[in-house]
Protein backbone atom coordinates (compact mmCIF):
# COMPACT_ATOMS: atom_id res chain seq x y z
CA UNK A 1 -17.69 -4.68 -2.14
CA UNK A 2 -20.05 -4.35 -5.10
CA UNK A 3 -18.37 -1.06 -6.09
CA UNK A 4 -14.98 -2.77 -6.23
CA UNK A 5 -16.36 -5.57 -8.39
CA UNK A 6 -17.90 -3.03 -10.77
CA UNK A 7 -14.60 -1.13 -10.90
CA UNK A 8 -12.81 -4.39 -11.75
CA UNK A 9 -15.25 -5.13 -14.58
CA UNK A 10 -14.82 -1.60 -15.94
CA UNK A 11 -11.04 -1.97 -15.84
CA UNK A 12 -11.20 -5.34 -17.65
CA UNK A 13 -13.33 -3.69 -20.37
CA UNK A 14 -10.89 -0.77 -20.59
CA UNK A 15 -7.93 -3.16 -21.04
CA UNK A 16 -9.80 -5.16 -23.68
CA UNK A 17 -10.53 -1.95 -25.60
CA UNK A 18 -6.90 -0.77 -25.30
CA UNK A 19 -5.47 -4.11 -26.47
CA UNK A 20 -7.98 -4.44 -29.33
CA UNK A 21 -7.13 -0.86 -30.35
CA UNK A 22 -3.45 -1.67 -30.89
CA UNK A 23 -2.25 -2.11 -34.46
CA UNK A 24 -1.28 -5.75 -35.01
CA UNK A 25 2.35 -4.85 -35.80
CA UNK A 26 2.65 -2.56 -32.75
CA UNK A 27 1.13 -5.21 -30.48
CA UNK A 28 3.46 -7.89 -31.84
CA UNK A 29 6.50 -5.67 -31.28
CA UNK A 30 5.46 -5.00 -27.68
CA UNK A 31 4.92 -8.72 -27.02
CA UNK A 32 8.33 -9.59 -28.51
CA UNK A 33 9.98 -6.98 -26.27
CA UNK A 34 8.26 -8.45 -23.18
CA UNK A 35 9.48 -11.91 -24.16
CA UNK A 36 13.06 -10.66 -24.67
CA UNK A 37 13.01 -8.90 -21.28
CA UNK A 38 11.72 -12.06 -19.57
CA UNK A 39 14.42 -14.25 -21.14
CA UNK A 40 17.11 -11.73 -20.08
CA UNK A 41 15.67 -11.35 -16.56
CA UNK A 42 18.07 -12.61 -13.87
CA UNK A 43 15.40 -14.35 -11.76
CA UNK A 44 14.20 -16.20 -14.85
CA UNK A 45 17.71 -17.11 -16.00
CA UNK A 46 18.59 -18.52 -12.56
CA UNK A 47 15.35 -20.51 -12.25
CA UNK A 48 15.38 -24.22 -12.98
CA UNK A 49 11.65 -24.95 -12.52
CA UNK A 50 9.34 -22.34 -14.07
CA UNK A 51 5.59 -22.07 -13.54
CA UNK A 52 4.04 -20.55 -16.66
CA UNK A 53 0.41 -20.11 -17.77
CA UNK A 54 -1.65 -20.57 -20.91
CA UNK A 55 -3.20 -17.18 -21.51
CA UNK A 56 -6.86 -16.27 -21.38
CA UNK A 57 -8.09 -13.28 -23.45
CA UNK A 58 -6.40 -9.95 -22.59
CA UNK A 59 -3.39 -11.61 -20.93
CA UNK A 60 0.07 -11.58 -22.51
CA UNK A 61 0.12 -14.53 -24.96
CA UNK A 62 2.24 -17.34 -23.56
CA UNK A 63 2.48 -20.25 -26.02
CA UNK A 64 5.70 -18.96 -27.61
CA UNK A 65 7.18 -18.33 -24.15
CA UNK A 66 6.26 -21.88 -23.08
CA UNK A 67 7.84 -23.38 -26.20
CA UNK A 68 11.04 -21.34 -25.88
CA UNK A 69 11.33 -22.14 -22.15
CA UNK A 70 11.14 -25.87 -22.95
CA UNK A 71 13.74 -25.42 -25.74
CA UNK A 72 16.28 -23.74 -23.44
CA UNK A 73 16.10 -26.72 -21.10
CA UNK A 74 14.12 -25.43 -18.14
CA UNK A 75 11.51 -27.57 -16.41
CA UNK A 76 8.14 -26.11 -17.43
CA UNK A 77 5.15 -26.43 -15.14
CA UNK A 78 1.60 -25.42 -16.13
CA UNK A 79 -1.63 -25.32 -14.14
CA UNK A 80 -4.47 -27.82 -14.56
CA UNK A 81 -7.72 -26.40 -13.21
CA UNK A 82 -10.22 -28.22 -11.02
CA UNK A 83 -13.40 -26.18 -11.46
CA UNK A 84 -15.37 -28.28 -8.93
CA UNK A 85 -12.88 -27.54 -6.13
CA UNK A 86 -11.76 -24.15 -7.53
CA UNK A 87 -8.21 -25.45 -7.32
CA UNK A 88 -5.07 -25.80 -9.40
CA UNK A 89 -2.76 -28.77 -9.84
CA UNK A 90 0.71 -27.95 -11.12
CA UNK A 91 1.99 -30.35 -13.78
CA UNK A 92 5.26 -30.71 -15.68
CA UNK A 93 5.08 -30.63 -19.47
CA UNK A 94 7.81 -31.74 -21.87
CA UNK A 95 6.20 -30.96 -25.22
CA UNK A 96 3.47 -28.28 -25.48
CA UNK A 97 2.12 -29.71 -28.75
CA UNK A 98 1.75 -33.21 -27.32
CA UNK A 99 1.11 -32.66 -23.59
CA UNK A 100 -1.77 -30.14 -23.63
CA UNK A 101 -5.51 -30.72 -23.92
CA UNK A 102 -8.51 -28.38 -23.75
CA UNK A 103 -9.45 -27.84 -20.10
CA UNK A 104 -12.76 -27.01 -18.39
CA UNK A 105 -12.07 -23.24 -18.72
CA UNK A 106 -11.64 -23.60 -22.51
CA UNK A 107 -7.90 -23.00 -22.09
CA UNK A 108 -5.21 -25.55 -22.90
CA UNK A 109 -3.79 -27.32 -19.85
CA UNK A 110 -1.60 -30.33 -19.06
CA UNK A 111 -3.06 -33.74 -19.88
CA UNK A 112 -3.08 -35.67 -16.56
CA UNK A 113 -2.58 -38.92 -18.54
CA UNK A 114 0.78 -37.66 -19.86
CA UNK A 115 2.02 -35.17 -17.26
CA UNK A 116 3.04 -35.65 -13.67
CA UNK A 117 2.24 -33.43 -10.71
CA UNK A 118 4.89 -31.05 -9.34
CA UNK A 119 4.89 -29.95 -5.67
CA UNK A 120 4.41 -26.23 -5.06
CA UNK A 121 7.63 -25.95 -3.08
CA UNK A 122 9.67 -26.91 -6.17
CA UNK A 123 8.72 -23.79 -8.16
CA UNK A 124 11.65 -21.34 -8.53
CA UNK A 125 9.75 -18.62 -10.40
CA UNK A 126 6.01 -18.26 -11.05
CA UNK A 127 4.87 -16.31 -14.08
CA UNK A 128 1.38 -15.21 -13.07
CA UNK A 129 -1.18 -14.00 -15.63
CA UNK A 130 -2.81 -10.61 -15.25
CA UNK A 131 -5.29 -8.46 -17.16
CA UNK A 132 -4.36 -5.21 -15.39
CA UNK A 133 -1.60 -4.36 -12.89
CA UNK A 134 -0.26 -1.44 -10.89
CA UNK A 135 3.25 -0.46 -9.77
CA UNK A 136 2.62 -1.79 -6.25
CA UNK A 137 2.15 -5.29 -7.67
CA UNK A 138 -1.64 -5.07 -7.54
CA UNK A 139 -3.08 -7.57 -10.01
CA UNK A 140 -6.45 -7.94 -11.67
CA UNK A 141 -6.93 -11.38 -13.20
CA UNK A 142 -9.66 -12.98 -15.26
CA UNK A 143 -11.92 -13.05 -12.20
CA UNK A 144 -11.92 -16.72 -11.20
CA UNK A 145 -9.60 -16.29 -8.19
CA UNK A 146 -7.45 -19.34 -8.99
CA UNK A 147 -4.18 -17.42 -8.83
CA UNK A 148 -5.24 -15.44 -5.74
CA UNK A 149 -5.55 -18.81 -3.99
CA UNK A 150 -2.31 -20.14 -5.49
CA UNK A 151 0.04 -17.19 -4.77
CA UNK A 152 0.00 -17.46 -0.94
CA UNK A 153 0.70 -21.22 -1.17
CA UNK A 154 3.91 -20.68 -3.16
CA UNK A 155 7.15 -20.53 -1.15
CA UNK A 156 8.22 -17.06 -0.04
CA UNK A 157 11.42 -17.55 -2.06
CA UNK A 158 9.45 -18.10 -5.29
CA UNK A 159 9.41 -14.88 -7.32
CA UNK A 160 5.87 -14.05 -8.47
CA UNK A 161 6.22 -12.24 -11.81
CA UNK A 162 3.51 -10.85 -14.10
CA UNK A 163 3.88 -9.96 -17.77
CA UNK A 164 2.07 -6.94 -19.21
CA UNK A 165 1.97 -4.58 -22.14
CA UNK A 166 2.50 -1.08 -20.73
CA UNK A 167 -1.16 -0.33 -21.67
CA UNK A 168 -2.16 -2.83 -18.92
CA UNK A 169 -0.39 -0.85 -16.16
CA UNK A 170 -2.61 1.53 -14.19
CA UNK A 171 -2.09 3.93 -11.29
CA UNK A 172 -4.13 1.66 -9.04
CA UNK A 173 -5.91 -1.62 -9.61
CA UNK A 174 -9.04 -2.14 -7.47
CA UNK A 175 -8.18 -4.78 -4.87
CA UNK A 176 -10.26 -6.73 -2.36
CA UNK A 177 -8.92 -8.43 0.77
CA UNK A 178 -8.60 -11.80 -1.00
CA UNK A 179 -6.65 -10.37 -3.97
CA UNK A 180 -2.92 -11.12 -3.99
CA UNK A 181 0.03 -9.08 -5.24
CA UNK A 182 2.92 -10.05 -7.52
CA UNK A 183 6.55 -9.14 -6.75
CA UNK A 184 7.68 -8.00 -10.18
CA UNK A 185 6.10 -6.93 -13.48
CA UNK A 186 7.90 -7.23 -16.81
CA UNK A 187 6.51 -4.87 -19.48
CA UNK A 188 7.61 -3.84 -22.94
CA UNK A 189 9.19 -0.68 -21.43
CA UNK A 190 10.54 -1.67 -17.99
CA UNK A 191 10.81 -4.10 -15.13
CA UNK A 192 8.73 -2.93 -12.15
CA UNK A 193 9.68 -4.10 -8.68
CA UNK A 194 6.88 -3.90 -6.12
CA UNK A 195 7.17 -0.69 -4.11
């Protein structure tokens, strides 16, 4: 167990180094390509209610994706974190500039005074953050476990999709029994369907 945790920390450090090592222009080009692929992706195009995320460090930046998703008329849902209960509430936002406040994890999240809760079963596609991923859908997150608890609660029909720069894809991500997989990964080079 401890070995797996150490391997996860090493992989997070490796990803951070790889991302920080990218030239700003190269990184921006890769991120734009990921965004284009997502917005051309059939599951995304067909979805009416989209769960997105506000990125933590070393996750694909998401604010532009959130804004564009609102602009094209989809219903955008973002997580609000309950650190006491280690839980997530899903909330609909209409305007990212107006509806978000700084949350307990120092990441922007929906303001409960302005946004209303959305039931899990309404989500058509869930864009799940990841720091490192593998071709089997193995996912290494920030380490808080919020999404590992959320993924199994989502309907089986909800596509669980991660976004990643190709530098975040590894042969195998260290997984523990509580870690959950995603169905699809959209990178700057390809769309990976879980094997």
